[in-house]
Protein backbone atom coordinates (compact mmCIF):
# COMPACT_ATOMS: atom_id res chain seq x y z
CA MET A 1 42.47 109.02 79.15
CA ALA A 2 42.84 110.86 82.25
CA ASP A 3 46.19 112.21 82.77
CA TYR A 4 47.93 110.94 79.81
CA ARG A 5 50.24 112.71 77.74
CA ILE A 6 48.58 112.56 73.98
CA ILE A 7 51.63 113.08 71.66
CA LYS A 8 51.98 113.14 68.27
CA ALA A 9 54.01 110.95 66.15
CA GLU A 10 56.28 113.78 64.92
CA PRO A 11 57.26 114.85 68.19
CA LEU A 12 57.63 111.89 69.51
CA THR A 13 60.24 110.27 66.78
CA SER A 14 62.10 113.19 67.71
CA VAL A 15 62.08 113.01 71.75
CA ILE A 16 63.45 109.21 71.58
CA TYR A 17 66.15 110.75 68.26
CA ALA A 18 67.18 113.38 71.44
CA ILE A 19 67.62 110.76 73.47
CA ALA A 20 69.81 107.99 70.73
CA LYS A 21 72.14 110.70 69.66
CA ALA A 22 72.80 111.73 72.79
CA GLY A 23 73.34 108.36 73.94
CA GLY A 24 76.55 108.27 71.26
CA SER A 25 74.02 106.97 68.55
CA THR A 26 74.82 108.15 65.07
CA ASP A 27 71.97 110.18 63.05
CA ARG A 28 70.90 107.04 60.97
CA GLU A 29 70.68 104.93 64.07
CA ALA A 30 69.19 107.62 66.29
CA GLU A 31 66.60 107.98 63.13
CA LEU A 32 66.31 103.82 62.92
CA VAL A 33 65.46 103.87 66.47
CA SER A 34 63.22 106.36 67.44
CA THR A 35 60.89 105.81 63.69
CA ASN A 36 61.19 101.72 64.81
CA LEU A 37 59.24 102.22 68.25
CA VAL A 38 56.80 104.93 67.49
CA GLU A 39 55.55 102.31 64.60
CA ALA A 40 55.08 100.17 67.03
CA ASN A 41 52.69 102.23 69.27
CA LEU A 42 51.53 103.84 65.91
CA LYS A 43 49.99 99.86 65.77
CA GLY A 44 48.87 99.32 69.10
CA HIS A 45 52.07 97.60 70.45
CA ASP A 46 52.76 100.19 72.94
CA SER A 47 55.08 96.79 74.92
CA HIS A 48 57.21 97.44 72.48
CA GLY A 49 57.65 101.40 71.77
CA VAL A 50 58.95 104.24 73.19
CA GLY A 51 58.58 102.78 76.51
CA MET A 52 61.58 100.45 75.67
CA ILE A 53 63.60 103.36 75.64
CA PRO A 54 64.31 103.63 79.22
CA ARG A 55 65.72 99.98 79.09
CA TYR A 56 67.80 100.74 75.98
CA VAL A 57 69.51 103.48 78.15
CA GLN A 58 70.16 100.83 81.21
CA SER A 59 71.48 98.30 78.65
CA VAL A 60 74.01 100.56 77.18
CA THR A 61 74.92 102.54 80.39
CA THR A 62 75.54 99.26 82.00
CA GLY A 63 76.90 97.69 78.99
CA GLY A 64 74.56 95.34 77.52
CA LEU A 65 73.90 97.79 74.58
CA ALA A 66 76.54 98.59 71.78
CA VAL A 67 75.64 102.20 70.27
CA ASN A 68 77.11 102.21 66.56
CA GLN A 69 77.19 98.23 65.40
CA HIS A 70 76.58 96.83 62.11
CA VAL A 71 75.47 93.46 61.59
CA LYS A 72 78.54 91.32 61.15
CA ILE A 73 78.27 88.25 58.22
CA VAL A 74 79.49 85.07 59.78
CA LEU A 75 78.69 83.02 56.98
CA ASP A 76 77.00 84.22 53.17
CA THR A 77 76.89 81.28 50.71
CA GLY A 78 73.94 83.39 48.55
CA PRO A 79 70.91 81.69 49.89
CA LEU A 80 72.36 81.11 53.08
CA LEU A 81 73.72 83.70 55.48
CA THR A 82 74.76 83.75 59.15
CA LEU A 83 75.05 86.96 61.40
CA ASP A 84 76.18 88.00 64.27
CA GLY A 85 74.26 91.32 65.29
CA LEU A 86 77.70 91.98 67.63
CA THR A 87 74.87 93.08 70.42
CA GLY A 88 73.81 96.12 68.81
CA TYR A 89 70.75 98.42 68.72
CA GLY A 90 68.30 95.57 67.06
CA GLN A 91 66.56 98.50 65.28
CA VAL A 92 69.56 98.59 63.41
CA ILE A 93 70.77 95.05 63.21
CA GLY A 94 66.96 94.54 61.93
CA HIS A 95 67.22 96.10 59.89
CA GLU A 96 70.41 95.63 57.81
CA ALA A 97 69.85 91.61 58.55
CA MET A 98 66.27 91.94 56.68
CA GLU A 99 68.14 94.19 53.59
CA LEU A 100 70.91 91.49 53.14
CA ALA A 101 68.01 88.55 53.01
CA ALA A 102 65.82 90.80 50.87
CA GLU A 103 68.85 90.71 48.17
CA ARG A 104 69.83 87.75 48.36
CA ALA A 105 66.04 86.37 48.29
CA LYS A 106 65.54 88.18 45.01
CA LYS A 107 69.14 86.98 43.34
CA ASN A 108 68.39 83.05 44.70
CA GLY A 109 64.78 83.05 45.14
CA VAL A 110 65.78 82.11 48.49
CA CYS A 111 67.24 83.06 52.21
CA LEU A 112 67.67 81.09 55.21
CA VAL A 113 69.33 83.88 57.79
CA GLY A 114 70.10 83.39 60.89
CA LEU A 115 71.06 86.05 62.90
CA SER A 116 71.85 85.69 66.50
CA ASN A 117 73.56 88.28 69.08
CA SER A 118 71.16 91.16 68.68
CA HIS A 119 70.15 93.34 71.39
CA HIS A 120 66.16 93.75 71.34
CA ILE A 121 64.90 93.72 67.95
CA GLY A 122 61.16 95.00 68.90
CA ARG A 123 58.25 93.51 67.24
CA ILE A 124 58.73 91.50 64.34
CA GLY A 125 55.76 92.25 62.16
CA HIS A 126 57.81 95.05 61.61
CA TRP A 127 61.05 92.60 59.36
CA ALA A 128 57.97 90.88 57.67
CA GLU A 129 56.75 94.12 57.00
CA GLN A 130 60.27 95.30 55.63
CA CYS A 131 60.57 92.22 53.41
CA ILE A 132 57.20 92.22 51.93
CA ASP A 133 58.11 95.68 51.15
CA HIS A 134 60.58 93.55 48.51
CA GLY A 135 57.38 91.89 47.50
CA LEU A 136 58.59 88.68 49.68
CA VAL A 137 57.12 86.36 51.99
CA SER A 138 59.25 85.76 55.30
CA ILE A 139 59.05 83.37 58.31
CA HIS A 140 60.31 84.34 61.32
CA PHE A 141 61.06 82.00 64.97
CA VAL A 142 62.71 84.53 67.91
CA ASN A 143 64.11 83.24 70.98
CA VAL A 144 65.35 86.01 73.84
CA ILE A 145 67.59 85.60 76.01
CA SER A 146 67.26 87.97 79.27
CA ARG A 147 65.52 86.59 82.03
CA PRO A 148 63.20 83.72 81.49
CA ILE A 149 59.33 85.07 81.73
CA VAL A 150 57.16 82.02 80.49
CA ALA A 151 55.95 78.78 82.20
CA PRO A 152 55.95 75.46 80.19
CA TRP A 153 53.01 73.90 79.55
CA GLY A 154 52.44 72.41 82.67
CA GLY A 155 55.22 74.65 84.88
CA SER A 156 54.83 76.53 87.73
CA ASP A 157 58.25 78.97 86.71
CA ALA A 158 59.37 81.19 83.88
CA ARG A 159 61.74 78.78 82.13
CA HIS A 160 61.89 80.86 78.65
CA GLY A 161 60.98 84.38 77.02
CA THR A 162 58.05 85.22 75.43
CA ASN A 163 59.78 84.14 71.90
CA PRO A 164 57.72 84.90 69.01
CA PHE A 165 56.85 83.46 65.89
CA CYS A 166 55.80 85.70 62.75
CA VAL A 167 54.90 85.70 58.78
CA GLY A 168 54.08 88.08 56.40
CA ILE A 169 52.28 87.38 53.26
CA PRO A 170 52.42 90.30 50.05
CA ARG A 171 49.28 91.25 48.10
CA ARG A 172 48.92 92.81 44.86
CA GLY A 173 47.97 96.14 45.37
CA LYS A 174 46.21 95.44 48.65
CA ASP A 175 47.07 95.64 52.70
CA PRO A 176 49.25 92.61 53.18
CA ILE A 177 48.78 89.52 55.87
CA VAL A 178 51.61 90.05 58.77
CA LEU A 179 50.30 87.16 61.19
CA ASP A 180 53.09 88.51 64.45
CA PHE A 181 52.27 86.96 68.24
CA ALA A 182 54.50 86.07 71.44
CA THR A 183 54.13 82.91 72.37
CA SER A 184 53.18 83.93 75.92
CA ARG A 185 49.52 84.19 76.52
CA ILE A 186 50.78 88.56 76.07
CA ALA A 187 54.10 90.00 75.58
CA GLN A 188 55.87 90.73 78.70
CA GLY A 189 55.94 93.98 77.43
CA LYS A 190 52.12 94.34 77.56
CA THR A 191 52.79 92.88 81.04
CA ARG A 192 54.62 96.36 82.21
CA VAL A 193 52.48 98.36 80.60
CA ALA A 194 49.44 97.07 82.58
CA HIS A 195 51.67 97.78 85.71
CA ASN A 196 52.30 101.04 85.26
CA LYS A 197 48.92 101.76 84.60
CA GLY A 198 47.96 100.07 87.69
CA VAL A 199 45.82 98.31 86.44
CA GLU A 200 44.83 94.05 86.71
CA LEU A 201 45.49 91.57 84.13
CA GLU A 202 43.10 88.79 83.05
CA PRO A 203 42.97 86.02 84.63
CA GLY A 204 44.12 82.89 83.21
CA THR A 205 47.35 84.87 82.47
CA ILE A 206 50.25 85.18 84.49
CA ILE A 207 51.18 82.72 87.69
CA ASP A 208 52.85 84.01 90.95
CA ASP A 209 56.39 83.17 92.62
CA GLU A 210 54.55 79.98 94.19
CA GLY A 211 53.33 79.55 90.30
CA LYS A 212 49.50 80.51 91.64
CA PRO A 213 47.24 82.31 89.51
CA THR A 214 46.80 85.83 90.21
CA VAL A 215 45.84 89.41 88.01
CA ASN A 216 48.71 91.28 89.79
CA PRO A 217 50.68 92.27 86.36
CA ARG A 218 53.98 92.79 89.23
CA TYR A 219 55.06 89.16 89.09
CA THR A 220 56.42 90.18 85.59
CA VAL A 221 58.11 93.19 85.83
CA ILE A 222 59.33 93.36 89.42
CA PRO A 223 60.59 90.64 92.06
CA PRO A 224 59.93 88.38 93.52
CA TYR A 225 58.77 87.01 89.70
CA GLY A 226 55.95 84.55 88.89
CA ALA A 227 55.60 83.95 85.27
CA ILE A 228 53.36 84.74 82.48
CA LEU A 229 51.70 81.53 81.10
CA PRO A 230 51.88 79.83 77.66
CA PHE A 231 48.98 80.59 74.89
CA GLY A 232 46.62 78.02 73.67
CA GLU A 233 47.93 75.82 76.20
CA HIS A 234 50.70 72.77 75.11
CA LYS A 235 50.36 74.21 71.49
CA GLY A 236 51.78 77.19 72.31
CA SER A 237 54.52 75.85 74.36
CA GLY A 238 55.25 73.43 72.01
CA LEU A 239 55.87 76.58 69.68
CA ALA A 240 57.84 78.90 71.88
CA LEU A 241 59.71 75.29 71.96
CA VAL A 242 60.59 75.63 67.89
CA CYS A 243 60.88 78.99 68.76
CA GLU A 244 63.86 78.82 71.54
CA ILE A 245 66.33 76.03 69.53
CA LEU A 246 65.61 77.53 65.64
CA GLY A 247 65.60 81.31 66.59
CA GLY A 248 68.37 80.62 69.11
CA ALA A 249 70.60 77.55 68.02
CA LEU A 250 70.17 76.81 64.90
CA SER A 251 71.04 80.71 64.45
CA GLY A 252 73.70 80.69 65.27
CA GLY A 253 73.45 82.04 69.28
CA GLN A 254 71.99 80.95 72.38
CA VAL A 255 69.28 79.17 74.28
CA VAL A 256 68.66 79.71 77.90
CA LYS A 257 70.40 77.29 80.60
CA GLY A 258 69.09 79.01 83.65
CA PRO A 259 67.84 82.18 85.21
CA SER A 260 69.56 85.45 84.36
CA ASP A 261 72.78 85.65 85.59
CA GLY A 262 72.24 89.81 84.89
CA LYS A 263 75.71 89.56 82.20
CA TYR A 264 72.83 90.17 78.99
CA ASN A 265 69.47 93.15 79.60
CA VAL A 266 67.79 91.35 76.33
CA LEU A 267 69.66 89.35 73.01
CA ASN A 268 67.14 88.07 70.79
CA GLY A 269 67.96 85.32 68.23
CA MET A 270 66.06 85.17 64.55
CA LEU A 271 65.71 82.60 61.84
CA SER A 272 64.19 83.87 59.22
CA ILE A 273 63.53 82.23 55.69
CA VAL A 274 62.37 84.63 52.64
CA ILE A 275 61.32 83.88 49.91
CA ASP A 276 60.52 85.53 46.87
CA PRO A 277 57.23 83.84 45.05
CA GLY A 278 58.13 85.05 41.52
CA LYS A 279 61.95 83.35 41.61
CA LEU A 280 59.77 80.38 42.87
CA GLY A 281 56.99 80.15 40.19
CA THR A 282 53.86 80.57 42.11
CA GLY A 283 54.06 84.81 41.96
CA GLU A 284 50.83 84.74 40.13
CA ASN A 285 49.11 81.89 41.90
CA LEU A 286 49.62 82.99 45.36
CA ALA A 287 48.69 86.38 44.13
CA ARG A 288 45.18 84.49 43.05
CA GLU A 289 45.09 82.10 45.55
CA VAL A 290 45.00 84.72 48.45
CA GLU A 291 42.49 87.54 46.91
CA SER A 292 40.17 83.88 46.85
CA PHE A 293 41.27 82.70 50.54
CA VAL A 294 41.22 86.47 52.39
CA ALA A 295 37.54 86.76 50.74
CA TRP A 296 36.33 83.28 51.53
CA HIS A 297 37.69 84.10 55.43
CA THR A 298 36.64 87.80 55.31
CA GLY A 299 33.45 86.93 53.97
CA SER A 300 32.04 85.47 56.98
CA PRO A 301 29.42 86.55 59.62
CA PRO A 302 30.26 88.82 62.54
CA GLY A 303 29.80 87.39 65.30
CA PRO A 304 27.73 88.94 68.58
CA GLY A 305 29.76 92.29 69.54
CA VAL A 306 31.66 91.76 66.41
CA ASP A 307 31.97 94.76 62.88
CA LYS A 308 33.52 92.27 60.95
CA VAL A 309 36.12 89.87 60.29
CA ARG A 310 39.44 90.52 59.53
CA ILE A 311 43.24 89.38 58.66
CA ALA A 312 45.92 89.32 60.16
CA GLY A 313 47.27 93.06 60.31
CA GLU A 314 44.46 95.18 59.82
CA PRO A 315 43.42 95.49 63.26
CA GLU A 316 47.10 96.91 63.85
CA ARG A 317 46.77 99.14 60.40
CA GLU A 318 43.38 100.75 62.33
CA THR A 319 44.82 101.87 65.15
CA LYS A 320 47.83 103.74 62.97
CA LYS A 321 45.73 105.82 61.16
CA LYS A 322 43.53 106.54 64.40
CA ARG A 323 46.68 107.17 66.24
CA LEU A 324 48.61 108.93 63.35
CA ALA A 325 45.14 111.46 63.56
CA GLU A 326 44.71 111.63 67.35
CA GLY A 327 48.05 111.16 68.43
CA ILE A 328 49.72 108.42 70.72
CA PRO A 329 48.88 107.84 74.66
CA VAL A 330 51.41 107.44 76.90
CA ASP A 331 51.04 106.92 80.58
CA PRO A 332 52.05 108.69 83.42
CA ASN A 333 54.94 106.43 84.82
CA THR A 334 55.93 105.35 81.18
CA TRP A 335 56.33 109.34 80.28
CA GLN A 336 58.54 109.81 83.88
CA GLU A 337 60.64 106.82 82.50
CA ILE A 338 61.08 108.05 78.96
CA LEU A 339 62.35 111.96 80.96
CA ASP A 340 64.75 109.83 83.83
CA ALA A 341 66.29 108.07 80.38
CA GLY A 342 66.64 111.10 78.44
CA LYS A 343 68.15 112.65 82.22
CA ARG A 344 70.75 109.37 81.93
CA PHE A 345 72.11 111.04 78.71
CA GLY A 346 72.28 114.43 79.73
CA LEU A 347 69.18 115.55 78.80
CA ASP A 348 67.32 117.86 81.61
CA ARG A 349 63.35 117.70 81.73
CA ALA A 350 62.62 120.91 79.71
CA ALA A 351 64.66 119.83 76.82
CA ILE A 352 62.90 116.66 76.38
CA GLU A 353 59.41 118.87 76.79
CA LYS A 354 60.45 121.37 74.46
CA ILE A 355 60.03 118.79 71.57
CA VAL A 356 56.69 117.82 72.84
CA GLY A 357 55.86 121.57 72.57
């Protein structure tokens, strides 16, 4: 990886922590933001990693992201929670929302939580993993209020966000199942990463501003904009529609109604269903049957060019192990954006480079 900075997780976390602190965040907020973003990089999702901090800095300076906010409880019946994120850092709002949901799911067996008006909540798998740490199953539907970036199936321009869907399933004494994906062909952040790297996208991933196929990622990063296509044709587009309505409207928030007016940088809504298998009375059955099916699933003979059949979440864990040992690659453009972001908050290049060493 010529010209890439290879940075260990600890100093990279310290850089993001310092930038968040310089922007006015408390120690706890800076910790949650920095560890969340670096965790995304560790798990191979650079689209949701430290490359987001320049966007956050811009949002703070333009009023789209409010520092030091905490989730507001709008309604709490025990098994039902409605929450307002108050445009706070999604890394804080998401964490607090899932802690509240886990507490109530353990008490009542289930918690249905609608979260609205959170600033970018990052990799949704992070929240499923938080629920897994409590021994809970979770299902998440998410929408994105920002510049529309994804075309509906059969359409020729962008009409909605990448609208992720996620499911987390714990396993006793073994690595969990974490299914987490955007309903677009790829996450918007991955097109930004490709643009920063100067590489093309796979054919069939995006269209240009005239609705024509292109492999140039600039059409999702700088004007004139095109759109990312949905994954799975009408199936992915249908799931995106559901995520928009459940994550945006049923949660108590907004849905995309037209082109971005520039008022918000990125807002997320999320509808989460958090389940305690023990309270449901199926905990033992779940534990037994999960292992039976995982064994059957992974026992399929690998196809050509594949070393083994994996479960959802396994590639991320393999990448994390590798990057913890070797470091996290950061492309030159992203690193410069991080340096520029620090400068906007009063941190000069020398201060940041000193942290990295």
